[in-house]
């Protein structure tokens, strides 16, 4: 593992809260001396969060053995990421509550081998976005808006769609390890 990954050695273990409802995979891979993160854009026809930019992931299902299993199953279903492409589970980010669905999501950070091609599930994924961490780092590339109770909401605009809400909170936490 190169020094690009060194900041992530400080990640805590993946938390396993009793009331977890969903998990997402935060897949990272090395590409030409840069770390990239894999995000997806949800189709506009989705009943919740249509058009949002998110991590691959979803609801816990019967038979899932904790957040790592849920996140890996969902990444396989949504973008066709085979389990054997996950090289290492690096740790977890803080479990995050969504405001609209009032659910607790556990983010699982993983180092992956970039697959030769993804196989997105069209019912759940419109496109795959793979920004470099160094592109996401500068605050000047983000915009903010003040929400209720003085809470700052962060937004990052890609040509494909907007990253905001719980996913932006997770990305901002991930970026904090590189600052």
N, C-alpha and C. Protein backbone atom coordinates (compact mmCIF):
# COMPACT_ATOMS: atom_id res chain seq x y z
N UNK A 1 0.86 -1.18 0.00
CA UNK A 1 0.00 0.00 0.00
C UNK A 1 0.90 1.23 0.00
N UNK A 2 0.61 2.19 -0.89
CA UNK A 2 1.44 3.39 -1.01
C UNK A 2 1.07 4.41 0.05
N UNK A 3 1.86 5.48 0.10
CA UNK A 3 1.63 6.55 1.08
C UNK A 3 0.31 7.28 0.84
N UNK A 4 -0.27 7.14 -0.35
CA UNK A 4 -1.59 7.75 -0.59
C UNK A 4 -2.62 7.26 0.42
N UNK A 5 -2.47 6.04 0.86
CA UNK A 5 -3.43 5.40 1.76
C UNK A 5 -3.16 5.70 3.23
N UNK A 6 -1.97 6.23 3.52
CA UNK A 6 -1.55 6.42 4.90
C UNK A 6 -2.55 7.19 5.77
N UNK A 7 -3.17 8.27 5.29
CA UNK A 7 -4.13 8.98 6.15
C UNK A 7 -5.28 8.10 6.63
N UNK A 8 -5.62 7.09 5.85
CA UNK A 8 -6.75 6.24 6.20
C UNK A 8 -6.41 5.17 7.23
N UNK A 9 -5.15 5.07 7.59
CA UNK A 9 -4.77 4.14 8.66
C UNK A 9 -5.37 4.58 9.99
N UNK A 10 -5.77 5.85 10.08
CA UNK A 10 -6.35 6.39 11.31
C UNK A 10 -7.86 6.13 11.42
N UNK A 11 -8.45 5.52 10.40
CA UNK A 11 -9.88 5.24 10.46
C UNK A 11 -10.20 4.30 11.62
N UNK A 12 -11.31 4.55 12.31
CA UNK A 12 -11.73 3.60 13.34
C UNK A 12 -12.33 2.35 12.70
N UNK A 13 -12.48 1.27 13.48
CA UNK A 13 -13.14 0.08 12.95
C UNK A 13 -14.58 0.41 12.53
N UNK A 14 -15.13 -0.42 11.67
CA UNK A 14 -16.52 -0.24 11.24
C UNK A 14 -17.43 -0.42 12.45
N UNK A 15 -18.26 0.59 12.75
CA UNK A 15 -19.18 0.45 13.88
C UNK A 15 -20.32 -0.50 13.53
N UNK A 16 -20.88 -1.12 14.56
CA UNK A 16 -22.00 -2.04 14.37
C UNK A 16 -23.12 -1.64 15.34
N UNK A 17 -23.83 -0.54 15.04
CA UNK A 17 -24.91 -0.12 15.94
C UNK A 17 -26.12 -1.05 15.86
N UNK A 18 -26.79 -1.24 16.98
CA UNK A 18 -27.97 -2.12 17.03
C UNK A 18 -29.10 -1.65 16.12
N UNK A 19 -29.23 -0.34 15.96
CA UNK A 19 -30.37 0.21 15.22
C UNK A 19 -30.00 0.64 13.80
N UNK A 20 -28.94 0.05 13.24
CA UNK A 20 -28.54 0.34 11.87
C UNK A 20 -29.63 -0.13 10.91
N UNK A 21 -29.96 0.70 9.94
CA UNK A 21 -30.97 0.34 8.94
C UNK A 21 -30.36 0.14 7.56
N UNK A 22 -29.18 0.74 7.34
CA UNK A 22 -28.56 0.69 6.01
C UNK A 22 -27.05 0.82 6.15
N UNK A 23 -26.35 0.43 5.09
CA UNK A 23 -24.90 0.59 5.03
C UNK A 23 -24.52 0.96 3.60
N UNK A 24 -23.45 1.73 3.48
CA UNK A 24 -22.93 2.10 2.16
C UNK A 24 -21.46 1.73 2.10
N UNK A 25 -21.00 1.42 0.90
CA UNK A 25 -19.59 1.17 0.68
C UNK A 25 -18.97 2.46 0.17
N UNK A 26 -17.83 2.82 0.74
CA UNK A 26 -17.07 3.98 0.31
C UNK A 26 -15.84 3.40 -0.40
N UNK A 27 -16.00 3.04 -1.70
CA UNK A 27 -14.91 2.36 -2.41
C UNK A 27 -13.87 3.37 -2.90
N UNK A 28 -12.60 3.07 -2.60
CA UNK A 28 -11.48 3.90 -3.02
C UNK A 28 -10.49 3.05 -3.78
N UNK A 29 -9.88 3.65 -4.82
CA UNK A 29 -8.84 2.94 -5.54
C UNK A 29 -7.78 3.93 -6.01
N UNK A 30 -6.60 3.40 -6.28
CA UNK A 30 -5.49 4.22 -6.75
C UNK A 30 -5.49 4.23 -8.27
N UNK A 31 -5.28 5.43 -8.82
CA UNK A 31 -5.28 5.59 -10.27
C UNK A 31 -4.27 6.67 -10.64
N UNK A 32 -3.17 6.27 -11.21
CA UNK A 32 -2.17 7.24 -11.65
C UNK A 32 -1.64 8.13 -10.55
N UNK A 33 -1.42 7.58 -9.37
CA UNK A 33 -0.88 8.37 -8.27
C UNK A 33 -1.91 9.19 -7.51
N UNK A 34 -3.18 8.95 -7.78
CA UNK A 34 -4.27 9.66 -7.09
C UNK A 34 -5.25 8.63 -6.54
N UNK A 35 -5.90 9.00 -5.43
CA UNK A 35 -6.99 8.16 -4.92
C UNK A 35 -8.29 8.66 -5.51
N UNK A 36 -9.11 7.72 -5.93
CA UNK A 36 -10.44 8.05 -6.44
C UNK A 36 -11.48 7.35 -5.58
N UNK A 37 -12.65 7.98 -5.49
CA UNK A 37 -13.77 7.42 -4.75
C UNK A 37 -14.89 7.14 -5.74
N UNK A 38 -15.62 6.08 -5.51
CA UNK A 38 -16.70 5.68 -6.42
C UNK A 38 -18.04 6.13 -5.85
N UNK A 39 -18.76 6.92 -6.63
CA UNK A 39 -20.10 7.40 -6.29
C UNK A 39 -21.04 7.02 -7.42
N UNK A 40 -22.32 7.05 -7.15
CA UNK A 40 -23.31 6.79 -8.20
C UNK A 40 -24.33 7.93 -8.23
N UNK A 41 -24.97 8.06 -9.38
CA UNK A 41 -26.11 8.98 -9.48
C UNK A 41 -27.36 8.14 -9.58
N UNK A 42 -28.31 8.42 -8.70
CA UNK A 42 -29.57 7.68 -8.71
C UNK A 42 -30.45 8.17 -9.87
N UNK A 43 -31.19 7.28 -10.50
CA UNK A 43 -32.09 7.70 -11.58
C UNK A 43 -33.18 8.64 -11.07
N UNK A 44 -33.69 9.46 -11.95
CA UNK A 44 -34.73 10.42 -11.60
C UNK A 44 -36.05 9.76 -11.21
N UNK A 45 -36.26 8.51 -11.60
CA UNK A 45 -37.53 7.83 -11.30
C UNK A 45 -37.57 7.20 -9.90
N UNK A 46 -36.47 7.26 -9.16
CA UNK A 46 -36.42 6.63 -7.83
C UNK A 46 -37.41 7.31 -6.88
N UNK A 47 -38.08 6.54 -6.03
CA UNK A 47 -39.05 7.13 -5.11
C UNK A 47 -38.41 7.99 -4.02
N UNK A 48 -37.16 7.67 -3.64
CA UNK A 48 -36.46 8.49 -2.65
C UNK A 48 -35.13 8.95 -3.24
N UNK A 49 -34.79 10.17 -2.95
CA UNK A 49 -33.53 10.78 -3.38
C UNK A 49 -33.28 10.66 -4.88
N UNK A 50 -34.29 10.96 -5.72
CA UNK A 50 -34.09 10.86 -7.17
C UNK A 50 -33.01 11.82 -7.64
N UNK A 51 -32.12 11.32 -8.49
CA UNK A 51 -31.08 12.15 -9.09
C UNK A 51 -29.92 12.49 -8.17
N UNK A 52 -29.95 12.04 -6.91
CA UNK A 52 -28.88 12.37 -5.97
C UNK A 52 -27.61 11.57 -6.28
N UNK A 53 -26.48 12.15 -5.91
CA UNK A 53 -25.19 11.47 -6.01
C UNK A 53 -24.93 10.84 -4.65
N UNK A 54 -24.69 9.53 -4.64
CA UNK A 54 -24.60 8.76 -3.39
C UNK A 54 -23.52 7.68 -3.51
N UNK A 55 -23.21 7.05 -2.39
CA UNK A 55 -22.37 5.86 -2.39
C UNK A 55 -23.24 4.65 -2.71
N UNK A 56 -22.65 3.61 -3.29
CA UNK A 56 -23.43 2.38 -3.45
C UNK A 56 -23.76 1.81 -2.06
N UNK A 57 -24.99 1.43 -1.88
CA UNK A 57 -25.41 0.90 -0.58
C UNK A 57 -26.91 0.83 -0.49
N UNK A 58 -27.38 0.39 0.66
CA UNK A 58 -28.82 0.29 0.83
C UNK A 58 -29.20 -0.36 2.15
N UNK A 59 -30.45 -0.78 2.19
CA UNK A 59 -31.06 -1.30 3.40
C UNK A 59 -30.50 -2.67 3.79
N UNK A 60 -30.46 -2.90 5.09
CA UNK A 60 -30.09 -4.21 5.62
C UNK A 60 -31.18 -5.20 5.22
N UNK A 61 -30.76 -6.38 4.80
CA UNK A 61 -31.70 -7.44 4.45
C UNK A 61 -31.45 -8.65 5.35
N UNK A 62 -32.48 -9.49 5.48
CA UNK A 62 -32.32 -10.73 6.23
C UNK A 62 -31.15 -11.50 5.64
N UNK A 63 -30.33 -12.04 6.49
CA UNK A 63 -29.17 -12.79 6.02
C UNK A 63 -27.90 -11.97 5.98
N UNK A 64 -27.99 -10.63 6.02
CA UNK A 64 -26.78 -9.80 6.05
C UNK A 64 -26.12 -9.97 7.42
N UNK A 65 -24.82 -10.08 7.40
CA UNK A 65 -24.06 -10.26 8.64
C UNK A 65 -23.32 -8.96 8.97
N UNK A 66 -24.05 -7.92 9.32
CA UNK A 66 -23.46 -6.66 9.73
C UNK A 66 -23.27 -5.68 8.59
N UNK A 67 -22.75 -4.50 8.91
CA UNK A 67 -22.65 -3.42 7.92
C UNK A 67 -21.71 -3.73 6.75
N UNK A 68 -20.61 -4.44 7.01
CA UNK A 68 -19.69 -4.76 5.91
C UNK A 68 -20.40 -5.65 4.90
N UNK A 69 -21.11 -6.64 5.35
CA UNK A 69 -21.83 -7.55 4.46
C UNK A 69 -22.91 -6.80 3.68
N UNK A 70 -23.66 -5.94 4.36
CA UNK A 70 -24.70 -5.16 3.68
C UNK A 70 -24.09 -4.27 2.61
N UNK A 71 -23.04 -3.54 2.97
CA UNK A 71 -22.41 -2.61 2.02
C UNK A 71 -21.85 -3.34 0.80
N UNK A 72 -21.19 -4.48 1.03
CA UNK A 72 -20.61 -5.23 -0.09
C UNK A 72 -21.68 -5.85 -0.97
N UNK A 73 -22.74 -6.38 -0.36
CA UNK A 73 -23.84 -6.95 -1.15
C UNK A 73 -24.47 -5.88 -2.03
N UNK A 74 -24.74 -4.72 -1.44
CA UNK A 74 -25.37 -3.63 -2.19
C UNK A 74 -24.47 -3.12 -3.31
N UNK A 75 -23.16 -3.01 -3.06
CA UNK A 75 -22.24 -2.55 -4.11
C UNK A 75 -22.20 -3.54 -5.27
N UNK A 76 -22.30 -4.82 -4.95
CA UNK A 76 -22.35 -5.84 -6.00
C UNK A 76 -23.65 -5.70 -6.80
N UNK A 77 -24.77 -5.53 -6.09
CA UNK A 77 -26.07 -5.40 -6.76
C UNK A 77 -26.16 -4.12 -7.60
N UNK A 78 -25.68 -3.01 -7.07
CA UNK A 78 -25.88 -1.71 -7.72
C UNK A 78 -24.89 -1.43 -8.84
N UNK A 79 -23.59 -1.72 -8.61
CA UNK A 79 -22.60 -1.37 -9.63
C UNK A 79 -21.83 -2.57 -10.16
N UNK A 80 -22.18 -3.77 -9.69
CA UNK A 80 -21.51 -4.97 -10.16
C UNK A 80 -20.10 -5.13 -9.62
N UNK A 81 -19.83 -4.56 -8.44
CA UNK A 81 -18.51 -4.69 -7.84
C UNK A 81 -18.42 -6.05 -7.16
N UNK A 82 -17.62 -6.97 -7.72
CA UNK A 82 -17.51 -8.29 -7.10
C UNK A 82 -16.82 -8.20 -5.75
N UNK A 83 -17.22 -9.06 -4.82
CA UNK A 83 -16.62 -9.07 -3.48
C UNK A 83 -15.11 -9.26 -3.54
N UNK A 84 -14.63 -10.03 -4.52
CA UNK A 84 -13.18 -10.26 -4.57
C UNK A 84 -12.41 -9.06 -5.11
N UNK A 85 -13.10 -8.01 -5.55
CA UNK A 85 -12.44 -6.76 -5.91
C UNK A 85 -12.20 -5.87 -4.69
N UNK A 86 -12.81 -6.23 -3.56
CA UNK A 86 -12.57 -5.49 -2.32
C UNK A 86 -11.30 -6.08 -1.72
N UNK A 87 -10.22 -5.28 -1.77
CA UNK A 87 -8.92 -5.73 -1.31
C UNK A 87 -8.84 -5.71 0.21
N UNK A 88 -9.42 -4.65 0.80
CA UNK A 88 -9.29 -4.48 2.24
C UNK A 88 -10.37 -3.54 2.77
N UNK A 89 -10.96 -3.90 3.89
CA UNK A 89 -11.85 -2.99 4.60
C UNK A 89 -10.94 -2.14 5.48
N UNK A 90 -10.93 -0.84 5.23
CA UNK A 90 -10.02 0.06 5.93
C UNK A 90 -10.58 0.55 7.26
N UNK A 91 -11.89 0.56 7.40
CA UNK A 91 -12.53 1.03 8.62
C UNK A 91 -13.87 1.65 8.31
N UNK A 92 -14.38 2.42 9.25
CA UNK A 92 -15.70 3.01 9.07
C UNK A 92 -15.69 4.50 9.38
N UNK A 93 -16.67 5.17 8.83
CA UNK A 93 -16.93 6.56 9.18
C UNK A 93 -18.06 6.57 10.20
N UNK A 94 -18.36 7.74 10.73
CA UNK A 94 -19.43 7.84 11.73
C UNK A 94 -20.76 7.41 11.12
N UNK A 95 -21.53 6.61 11.83
CA UNK A 95 -22.89 6.33 11.35
C UNK A 95 -23.64 7.65 11.19
N UNK A 96 -24.39 7.76 10.12
CA UNK A 96 -25.04 9.02 9.75
C UNK A 96 -26.54 8.84 9.67
N UNK A 97 -27.27 9.74 10.30
CA UNK A 97 -28.73 9.75 10.20
C UNK A 97 -29.15 10.56 8.99
N UNK A 98 -30.10 10.03 8.23
CA UNK A 98 -30.69 10.84 7.17
C UNK A 98 -31.82 11.65 7.79
N UNK A 99 -32.02 12.80 7.25
CA UNK A 99 -33.07 13.66 7.78
C UNK A 99 -34.44 13.23 7.30
N UNK A 100 -34.55 12.92 6.02
CA UNK A 100 -35.87 12.61 5.46
C UNK A 100 -36.35 11.21 5.85
N UNK A 101 -35.48 10.22 5.77
CA UNK A 101 -35.90 8.85 6.04
C UNK A 101 -35.69 8.44 7.49
N UNK A 102 -35.03 9.30 8.25
CA UNK A 102 -34.77 9.03 9.66
C UNK A 102 -34.18 7.63 9.87
N UNK A 103 -33.15 7.32 9.10
CA UNK A 103 -32.51 6.03 9.26
C UNK A 103 -31.03 6.23 9.54
N UNK A 104 -30.43 5.25 10.18
CA UNK A 104 -29.01 5.28 10.49
C UNK A 104 -28.26 4.48 9.44
N UNK A 105 -27.29 5.14 8.80
CA UNK A 105 -26.49 4.52 7.74
C UNK A 105 -25.06 4.37 8.24
N UNK A 106 -24.48 3.20 8.06
CA UNK A 106 -23.09 2.97 8.43
C UNK A 106 -22.23 2.98 7.17
N UNK A 107 -21.27 3.93 7.07
CA UNK A 107 -20.35 3.97 5.93
C UNK A 107 -19.13 3.06 6.17
N UNK A 108 -18.86 2.18 5.21
CA UNK A 108 -17.75 1.22 5.28
C UNK A 108 -16.73 1.62 4.22
N UNK A 109 -15.53 2.00 4.65
CA UNK A 109 -14.48 2.46 3.74
C UNK A 109 -13.65 1.25 3.31
N UNK A 110 -13.48 1.10 1.98
CA UNK A 110 -12.77 -0.07 1.46
C UNK A 110 -11.80 0.33 0.35
N UNK A 111 -10.68 -0.37 0.32
CA UNK A 111 -9.75 -0.25 -0.80
C UNK A 111 -10.15 -1.31 -1.80
N UNK A 112 -10.34 -0.89 -3.04
CA UNK A 112 -10.76 -1.84 -4.07
C UNK A 112 -9.74 -1.86 -5.21
N UNK A 113 -9.76 -2.98 -5.94
CA UNK A 113 -9.10 -3.03 -7.23
C UNK A 113 -10.13 -2.50 -8.20
N UNK A 114 -9.73 -1.59 -9.01
CA UNK A 114 -10.71 -1.06 -9.95
C UNK A 114 -11.09 -2.16 -10.93
N UNK A 115 -12.36 -2.50 -11.00
CA UNK A 115 -12.76 -3.52 -11.97
C UNK A 115 -12.59 -2.99 -13.39
N UNK A 116 -12.39 -3.88 -14.37
CA UNK A 116 -12.24 -3.42 -15.74
C UNK A 116 -13.45 -2.64 -16.21
N UNK A 117 -14.62 -3.00 -15.72
CA UNK A 117 -15.82 -2.24 -16.04
C UNK A 117 -16.87 -2.54 -14.97
N UNK A 118 -17.70 -1.56 -14.75
CA UNK A 118 -18.80 -1.74 -13.80
C UNK A 118 -20.01 -2.24 -14.58
N UNK A 119 -20.93 -2.84 -13.86
CA UNK A 119 -22.19 -3.26 -14.45
C UNK A 119 -23.30 -2.63 -13.61
N UNK A 120 -23.62 -1.35 -13.89
CA UNK A 120 -24.64 -0.69 -13.08
C UNK A 120 -26.02 -1.31 -13.28
N UNK A 121 -26.77 -1.40 -12.20
CA UNK A 121 -28.16 -1.85 -12.24
C UNK A 121 -28.98 -0.63 -12.64
N UNK A 122 -29.55 -0.61 -13.86
CA UNK A 122 -30.22 0.59 -14.36
C UNK A 122 -31.41 1.06 -13.51
N UNK A 123 -32.03 0.15 -12.79
CA UNK A 123 -33.15 0.57 -11.93
C UNK A 123 -32.68 1.40 -10.74
N UNK A 124 -31.38 1.28 -10.38
CA UNK A 124 -30.87 1.97 -9.20
C UNK A 124 -29.74 2.94 -9.48
N UNK A 125 -29.05 2.80 -10.63
CA UNK A 125 -27.88 3.61 -10.91
C UNK A 125 -27.97 4.16 -12.33
N UNK A 126 -27.96 5.48 -12.43
CA UNK A 126 -27.95 6.11 -13.75
C UNK A 126 -26.53 6.25 -14.28
N UNK A 127 -25.60 6.61 -13.40
CA UNK A 127 -24.21 6.75 -13.82
C UNK A 127 -23.28 6.56 -12.63
N UNK A 128 -22.02 6.31 -12.96
CA UNK A 128 -20.98 6.14 -11.95
C UNK A 128 -20.03 7.33 -12.08
N UNK A 129 -19.68 7.91 -10.94
CA UNK A 129 -18.82 9.09 -10.88
C UNK A 129 -17.61 8.71 -10.04
N UNK A 130 -16.40 9.02 -10.52
CA UNK A 130 -15.18 8.61 -9.83
C UNK A 130 -14.22 9.79 -9.64
N UNK A 131 -14.59 10.75 -8.80
CA UNK A 131 -13.71 11.91 -8.60
C UNK A 131 -12.45 11.54 -7.80
N UNK A 132 -11.39 12.27 -8.05
CA UNK A 132 -10.17 12.12 -7.26
C UNK A 132 -10.36 12.85 -5.93
N UNK A 133 -9.81 12.28 -4.87
CA UNK A 133 -9.91 12.90 -3.55
C UNK A 133 -9.35 14.32 -3.58
N UNK A 134 -8.23 14.53 -4.29
CA UNK A 134 -7.64 15.87 -4.31
C UNK A 134 -8.53 16.90 -5.01
N UNK A 135 -9.44 16.47 -5.86
CA UNK A 135 -10.40 17.40 -6.49
C UNK A 135 -11.48 17.81 -5.49
N UNK A 136 -11.83 16.90 -4.58
CA UNK A 136 -12.88 17.15 -3.61
C UNK A 136 -12.38 17.94 -2.39
N UNK A 137 -11.08 17.93 -2.14
CA UNK A 137 -10.53 18.53 -0.93
C UNK A 137 -10.76 20.04 -0.77
N UNK A 138 -10.53 20.86 -1.80
CA UNK A 138 -10.65 22.31 -1.57
C UNK A 138 -12.09 22.74 -1.25
N UNK A 139 -12.25 23.43 -0.13
CA UNK A 139 -13.58 23.95 0.23
C UNK A 139 -14.14 24.86 -0.86
N UNK A 140 -13.27 25.51 -1.62
CA UNK A 140 -13.71 26.42 -2.68
C UNK A 140 -14.49 25.68 -3.77
N UNK A 141 -14.32 24.35 -3.86
CA UNK A 141 -15.05 23.56 -4.85
C UNK A 141 -16.45 23.16 -4.37
N UNK A 142 -16.78 23.51 -3.14
CA UNK A 142 -18.06 23.18 -2.54
C UNK A 142 -18.87 24.46 -2.35
N UNK A 143 -20.17 24.33 -2.26
CA UNK A 143 -21.00 25.47 -1.83
C UNK A 143 -21.76 25.05 -0.59
N UNK A 144 -22.17 26.03 0.17
CA UNK A 144 -22.89 25.74 1.41
C UNK A 144 -24.20 26.49 1.45
N UNK A 145 -25.07 26.02 2.31
CA UNK A 145 -26.35 26.67 2.57
C UNK A 145 -26.66 26.46 4.05
N UNK A 146 -27.18 27.47 4.69
CA UNK A 146 -27.55 27.34 6.10
C UNK A 146 -28.95 26.76 6.18
N UNK A 147 -29.10 25.73 6.98
CA UNK A 147 -30.38 25.06 7.16
C UNK A 147 -30.87 25.29 8.58
N UNK A 148 -31.94 24.66 8.92
CA UNK A 148 -32.56 24.83 10.24
C UNK A 148 -31.54 24.62 11.36
N UNK A 149 -31.75 25.31 12.43
CA UNK A 149 -30.93 25.21 13.65
C UNK A 149 -29.46 25.54 13.38
N UNK A 150 -29.21 26.39 12.39
CA UNK A 150 -27.85 26.83 12.11
C UNK A 150 -26.95 25.76 11.51
N UNK A 151 -27.53 24.70 11.01
CA UNK A 151 -26.74 23.62 10.42
C UNK A 151 -26.31 24.00 9.01
N UNK A 152 -25.03 23.80 8.72
CA UNK A 152 -24.51 24.07 7.38
C UNK A 152 -24.63 22.81 6.53
N UNK A 153 -25.22 22.95 5.37
CA UNK A 153 -25.34 21.84 4.42
C UNK A 153 -24.34 22.08 3.29
N UNK A 154 -23.55 21.07 2.97
CA UNK A 154 -22.54 21.15 1.92
C UNK A 154 -23.07 20.55 0.63
N UNK A 155 -22.67 21.15 -0.50
CA UNK A 155 -23.09 20.70 -1.83
C UNK A 155 -21.87 20.67 -2.75
N UNK A 156 -21.73 19.60 -3.52
CA UNK A 156 -20.68 19.51 -4.53
C UNK A 156 -21.38 19.16 -5.84
N UNK A 157 -21.16 19.99 -6.85
CA UNK A 157 -21.86 19.79 -8.12
C UNK A 157 -20.96 19.09 -9.14
N UNK A 158 -21.43 17.95 -9.61
CA UNK A 158 -20.81 17.23 -10.71
C UNK A 158 -21.66 17.49 -11.94
N UNK A 159 -21.12 17.30 -13.14
CA UNK A 159 -21.97 17.42 -14.33
C UNK A 159 -23.17 16.47 -14.27
N UNK A 160 -22.99 15.31 -13.62
CA UNK A 160 -24.05 14.31 -13.56
C UNK A 160 -25.11 14.60 -12.51
N UNK A 161 -24.78 15.38 -11.49
CA UNK A 161 -25.73 15.64 -10.42
C UNK A 161 -25.06 16.25 -9.20
N UNK A 162 -25.85 16.45 -8.15
CA UNK A 162 -25.37 17.13 -6.95
C UNK A 162 -25.19 16.14 -5.80
N UNK A 163 -24.05 16.26 -5.15
CA UNK A 163 -23.74 15.51 -3.94
C UNK A 163 -24.10 16.42 -2.77
N UNK A 164 -24.95 15.94 -1.88
CA UNK A 164 -25.36 16.75 -0.73
C UNK A 164 -25.93 15.83 0.34
N UNK A 165 -26.43 16.39 1.41
CA UNK A 165 -27.09 15.64 2.46
C UNK A 165 -26.17 14.68 3.20
N UNK A 166 -26.70 13.50 3.53
CA UNK A 166 -25.94 12.52 4.30
C UNK A 166 -24.66 12.10 3.57
N UNK A 167 -24.74 11.96 2.24
CA UNK A 167 -23.55 11.54 1.50
C UNK A 167 -22.48 12.62 1.55
N UNK A 168 -22.86 13.88 1.43
CA UNK A 168 -21.88 14.97 1.53
C UNK A 168 -21.25 14.97 2.92
N UNK A 169 -22.05 14.72 3.95
CA UNK A 169 -21.51 14.65 5.31
C UNK A 169 -20.46 13.55 5.39
N UNK A 170 -20.74 12.39 4.80
CA UNK A 170 -19.78 11.27 4.81
C UNK A 170 -18.52 11.62 4.03
N UNK A 171 -18.69 12.23 2.86
CA UNK A 171 -17.53 12.60 2.04
C UNK A 171 -16.68 13.62 2.79
N UNK A 172 -17.31 14.60 3.41
CA UNK A 172 -16.55 15.62 4.16
C UNK A 172 -15.78 14.97 5.31
N UNK A 173 -16.37 13.98 5.98
CA UNK A 173 -15.64 13.28 7.03
C UNK A 173 -14.46 12.52 6.44
N UNK A 174 -14.66 11.83 5.32
CA UNK A 174 -13.57 11.13 4.65
C UNK A 174 -12.44 12.10 4.31
N UNK A 175 -12.80 13.25 3.79
CA UNK A 175 -11.78 14.24 3.39
C UNK A 175 -11.01 14.75 4.60
N UNK A 176 -11.62 14.76 5.77
CA UNK A 176 -10.93 15.26 6.96
C UNK A 176 -9.67 14.43 7.27
N UNK A 177 -9.62 13.20 6.84
CA UNK A 177 -8.43 12.37 7.05
C UNK A 177 -7.26 12.79 6.16
N UNK A 178 -7.54 13.57 5.13
CA UNK A 178 -6.50 14.01 4.20
C UNK A 178 -6.07 15.45 4.43
N UNK A 179 -6.62 16.09 5.44
CA UNK A 179 -6.28 17.50 5.72
C UNK A 179 -5.22 17.61 6.77
